[in-house]
Amino acid sequence: PTAVTYEPGSKLFMFTDGLIETRDSSIDDDLRRLTDYLQTQLGADVASMSDKVLEDFAVVGDQPDDIALLAAHLE
């Protein structure tokens, strides 16, 4: 197990690779794209952020993947 410290008010996002993985880029590039995107959404609540992430990142096409997303606002 890895211990992680956080500041109260932090937001936690956990997800499966189906949310971001594409055939056209590396998983590292896809993860960076999501991280950069989330940085622009920090003022929003986690429910809105989750909805927006699913809307903008969920791959729709001929080979969809299962997606799981867990988001929490840490107190």
N, C-alpha and C. Protein backbone atom coordinates (compact mmCIF):
# COMPACT_ATOMS: atom_id res chain seq x y z
N PRO A 1 0.83 -1.20 0.00
CA PRO A 1 0.00 0.00 0.00
C PRO A 1 0.88 1.26 0.00
N THR A 2 0.36 2.27 -0.64
CA THR A 2 1.03 3.56 -0.68
C THR A 2 0.19 4.58 0.07
N ALA A 3 0.80 5.26 1.00
CA ALA A 3 0.11 6.31 1.75
C ALA A 3 0.25 7.62 0.99
N VAL A 4 -0.84 8.36 0.94
CA VAL A 4 -0.85 9.65 0.26
C VAL A 4 -1.44 10.67 1.21
N THR A 5 -0.77 11.79 1.36
CA THR A 5 -1.33 12.87 2.17
C THR A 5 -2.06 13.85 1.26
N TYR A 6 -3.02 14.54 1.82
CA TYR A 6 -3.78 15.50 1.03
C TYR A 6 -4.23 16.63 1.92
N GLU A 7 -4.53 17.74 1.31
CA GLU A 7 -5.07 18.90 2.00
C GLU A 7 -6.59 18.78 2.03
N PRO A 8 -7.23 19.18 3.14
CA PRO A 8 -8.69 19.21 3.15
C PRO A 8 -9.19 20.06 1.97
N GLY A 9 -10.22 19.56 1.31
CA GLY A 9 -10.76 20.22 0.14
C GLY A 9 -10.20 19.67 -1.16
N SER A 10 -9.23 18.76 -1.06
CA SER A 10 -8.67 18.14 -2.27
C SER A 10 -9.73 17.30 -2.97
N LYS A 11 -9.52 17.08 -4.25
CA LYS A 11 -10.42 16.25 -5.04
C LYS A 11 -9.65 15.03 -5.52
N LEU A 12 -10.28 13.88 -5.42
CA LEU A 12 -9.67 12.61 -5.80
C LEU A 12 -10.45 12.02 -6.96
N PHE A 13 -9.73 11.65 -8.02
CA PHE A 13 -10.34 10.99 -9.17
C PHE A 13 -9.62 9.68 -9.40
N MET A 14 -10.36 8.59 -9.44
CA MET A 14 -9.83 7.28 -9.79
C MET A 14 -10.66 6.76 -10.95
N PHE A 15 -9.99 6.13 -11.91
CA PHE A 15 -10.69 5.72 -13.12
C PHE A 15 -9.96 4.56 -13.77
N THR A 16 -10.66 3.87 -14.62
CA THR A 16 -10.04 2.81 -15.41
C THR A 16 -9.52 3.40 -16.71
N ASP A 17 -8.64 2.68 -17.36
CA ASP A 17 -8.03 3.19 -18.58
C ASP A 17 -9.02 3.38 -19.72
N GLY A 18 -10.18 2.77 -19.62
CA GLY A 18 -11.19 2.93 -20.66
C GLY A 18 -11.66 4.37 -20.81
N LEU A 19 -11.47 5.18 -19.77
CA LEU A 19 -11.86 6.59 -19.84
C LEU A 19 -10.97 7.37 -20.79
N ILE A 20 -9.68 7.07 -20.80
CA ILE A 20 -8.75 7.93 -21.52
C ILE A 20 -7.97 7.26 -22.64
N GLU A 21 -7.89 5.95 -22.64
CA GLU A 21 -7.01 5.26 -23.59
C GLU A 21 -7.56 5.36 -25.01
N THR A 22 -6.68 5.76 -25.91
CA THR A 22 -7.03 5.83 -27.33
C THR A 22 -5.99 5.06 -28.13
N ARG A 23 -6.33 4.71 -29.32
CA ARG A 23 -5.39 3.99 -30.19
C ARG A 23 -4.37 4.93 -30.83
N ASP A 24 -4.70 6.22 -30.86
CA ASP A 24 -3.88 7.18 -31.58
C ASP A 24 -2.75 7.79 -30.76
N SER A 25 -2.70 7.50 -29.45
CA SER A 25 -1.66 8.10 -28.61
C SER A 25 -1.30 7.14 -27.48
N SER A 26 -0.21 7.45 -26.80
CA SER A 26 0.22 6.59 -25.70
C SER A 26 -0.64 6.86 -24.46
N ILE A 27 -0.68 5.90 -23.57
CA ILE A 27 -1.44 6.07 -22.33
C ILE A 27 -0.88 7.23 -21.52
N ASP A 28 0.44 7.45 -21.58
CA ASP A 28 1.04 8.58 -20.88
C ASP A 28 0.52 9.91 -21.42
N ASP A 29 0.42 10.01 -22.74
CA ASP A 29 -0.12 11.23 -23.35
C ASP A 29 -1.59 11.41 -22.99
N ASP A 30 -2.34 10.31 -22.99
CA ASP A 30 -3.76 10.37 -22.64
C ASP A 30 -3.94 10.81 -21.18
N LEU A 31 -3.12 10.28 -20.29
CA LEU A 31 -3.18 10.65 -18.88
C LEU A 31 -2.80 12.13 -18.69
N ARG A 32 -1.80 12.58 -19.38
CA ARG A 32 -1.40 13.99 -19.32
C ARG A 32 -2.53 14.89 -19.79
N ARG A 33 -3.21 14.47 -20.84
CA ARG A 33 -4.33 15.26 -21.37
C ARG A 33 -5.44 15.37 -20.32
N LEU A 34 -5.74 14.28 -19.62
CA LEU A 34 -6.75 14.32 -18.57
C LEU A 34 -6.29 15.18 -17.40
N THR A 35 -5.06 15.02 -16.99
CA THR A 35 -4.53 15.81 -15.87
C THR A 35 -4.59 17.30 -16.19
N ASP A 36 -4.16 17.67 -17.38
CA ASP A 36 -4.22 19.08 -17.79
C ASP A 36 -5.66 19.57 -17.80
N TYR A 37 -6.56 18.74 -18.28
CA TYR A 37 -7.98 19.11 -18.34
C TYR A 37 -8.54 19.33 -16.93
N LEU A 38 -8.25 18.41 -16.02
CA LEU A 38 -8.77 18.53 -14.65
C LEU A 38 -8.26 19.79 -13.97
N GLN A 39 -7.04 20.20 -14.28
CA GLN A 39 -6.49 21.43 -13.70
C GLN A 39 -7.34 22.64 -14.08
N THR A 40 -7.97 22.61 -15.24
CA THR A 40 -8.80 23.74 -15.67
C THR A 40 -10.18 23.71 -15.01
N GLN A 41 -10.52 22.62 -14.34
CA GLN A 41 -11.85 22.44 -13.77
C GLN A 41 -11.86 22.49 -12.23
N LEU A 42 -10.77 22.91 -11.61
CA LEU A 42 -10.64 22.81 -10.16
C LEU A 42 -11.70 23.58 -9.38
N GLY A 43 -12.28 24.61 -9.95
CA GLY A 43 -13.30 25.38 -9.26
C GLY A 43 -14.66 24.71 -9.21
N ALA A 44 -14.86 23.69 -10.00
CA ALA A 44 -16.16 23.00 -10.08
C ALA A 44 -16.26 21.94 -8.99
N ASP A 45 -17.48 21.56 -8.65
CA ASP A 45 -17.67 20.47 -7.69
C ASP A 45 -17.39 19.14 -8.40
N VAL A 46 -17.13 18.09 -7.60
CA VAL A 46 -16.72 16.82 -8.20
C VAL A 46 -17.81 16.19 -9.06
N ALA A 47 -19.06 16.41 -8.74
CA ALA A 47 -20.13 15.85 -9.57
C ALA A 47 -20.11 16.48 -10.96
N SER A 48 -19.98 17.80 -11.01
CA SER A 48 -19.91 18.50 -12.30
C SER A 48 -18.65 18.11 -13.06
N MET A 49 -17.53 18.02 -12.34
CA MET A 49 -16.27 17.62 -12.98
C MET A 49 -16.41 16.23 -13.57
N SER A 50 -17.02 15.32 -12.83
CA SER A 50 -17.19 13.94 -13.30
C SER A 50 -18.06 13.90 -14.54
N ASP A 51 -19.16 14.61 -14.51
CA ASP A 51 -20.04 14.66 -15.69
C ASP A 51 -19.30 15.19 -16.90
N LYS A 52 -18.54 16.26 -16.71
CA LYS A 52 -17.82 16.89 -17.81
C LYS A 52 -16.72 15.97 -18.34
N VAL A 53 -15.99 15.30 -17.43
CA VAL A 53 -14.94 14.37 -17.85
C VAL A 53 -15.54 13.23 -18.67
N LEU A 54 -16.63 12.66 -18.19
CA LEU A 54 -17.27 11.57 -18.93
C LEU A 54 -17.75 12.04 -20.30
N GLU A 55 -18.29 13.24 -20.34
CA GLU A 55 -18.78 13.79 -21.59
C GLU A 55 -17.64 14.03 -22.58
N ASP A 56 -16.52 14.54 -22.09
CA ASP A 56 -15.43 14.95 -22.98
C ASP A 56 -14.39 13.86 -23.25
N PHE A 57 -14.31 12.85 -22.38
CA PHE A 57 -13.24 11.87 -22.53
C PHE A 57 -13.69 10.47 -22.88
N ALA A 58 -14.89 10.10 -22.55
CA ALA A 58 -15.35 8.74 -22.83
C ALA A 58 -15.29 8.51 -24.34
N VAL A 59 -14.53 7.51 -24.73
CA VAL A 59 -14.34 7.21 -26.14
C VAL A 59 -15.59 6.52 -26.67
N VAL A 60 -16.13 7.08 -27.71
CA VAL A 60 -17.29 6.49 -28.36
C VAL A 60 -16.87 6.12 -29.77
N GLY A 61 -17.16 4.93 -30.15
CA GLY A 61 -16.77 4.52 -31.49
C GLY A 61 -16.97 3.04 -31.68
N ASP A 62 -16.21 2.49 -32.62
CA ASP A 62 -16.40 1.09 -32.98
C ASP A 62 -15.83 0.14 -31.94
N GLN A 63 -14.99 0.60 -31.02
CA GLN A 63 -14.43 -0.27 -30.00
C GLN A 63 -14.51 0.39 -28.62
N PRO A 64 -15.71 0.60 -28.09
CA PRO A 64 -15.82 1.22 -26.78
C PRO A 64 -15.25 0.31 -25.69
N ASP A 65 -14.81 0.90 -24.62
CA ASP A 65 -14.22 0.17 -23.50
C ASP A 65 -15.06 0.44 -22.25
N ASP A 66 -15.02 -0.49 -21.30
CA ASP A 66 -15.69 -0.26 -20.03
C ASP A 66 -15.02 0.91 -19.32
N ILE A 67 -15.83 1.71 -18.63
CA ILE A 67 -15.31 2.87 -17.90
C ILE A 67 -15.84 2.82 -16.48
N ALA A 68 -14.94 3.05 -15.52
CA ALA A 68 -15.32 3.24 -14.14
C ALA A 68 -14.66 4.54 -13.69
N LEU A 69 -15.40 5.37 -12.98
CA LEU A 69 -14.90 6.63 -12.47
C LEU A 69 -15.41 6.81 -11.05
N LEU A 70 -14.50 7.08 -10.14
CA LEU A 70 -14.85 7.37 -8.75
C LEU A 70 -14.24 8.71 -8.43
N ALA A 71 -15.05 9.65 -7.98
CA ALA A 71 -14.56 10.98 -7.63
C ALA A 71 -15.05 11.33 -6.22
N ALA A 72 -14.18 11.99 -5.47
CA ALA A 72 -14.52 12.37 -4.10
C ALA A 72 -13.92 13.72 -3.76
N HIS A 73 -14.65 14.47 -2.97
CA HIS A 73 -14.15 15.72 -2.39
C HIS A 73 -13.73 15.38 -0.98
N LEU A 74 -12.44 15.49 -0.70
CA LEU A 74 -11.89 15.03 0.58
C LEU A 74 -11.96 16.15 1.62
N GLU A 75 -12.44 15.83 2.78
CA GLU A 75 -12.54 16.79 3.88
C GLU A 75 -11.41 16.61 4.85
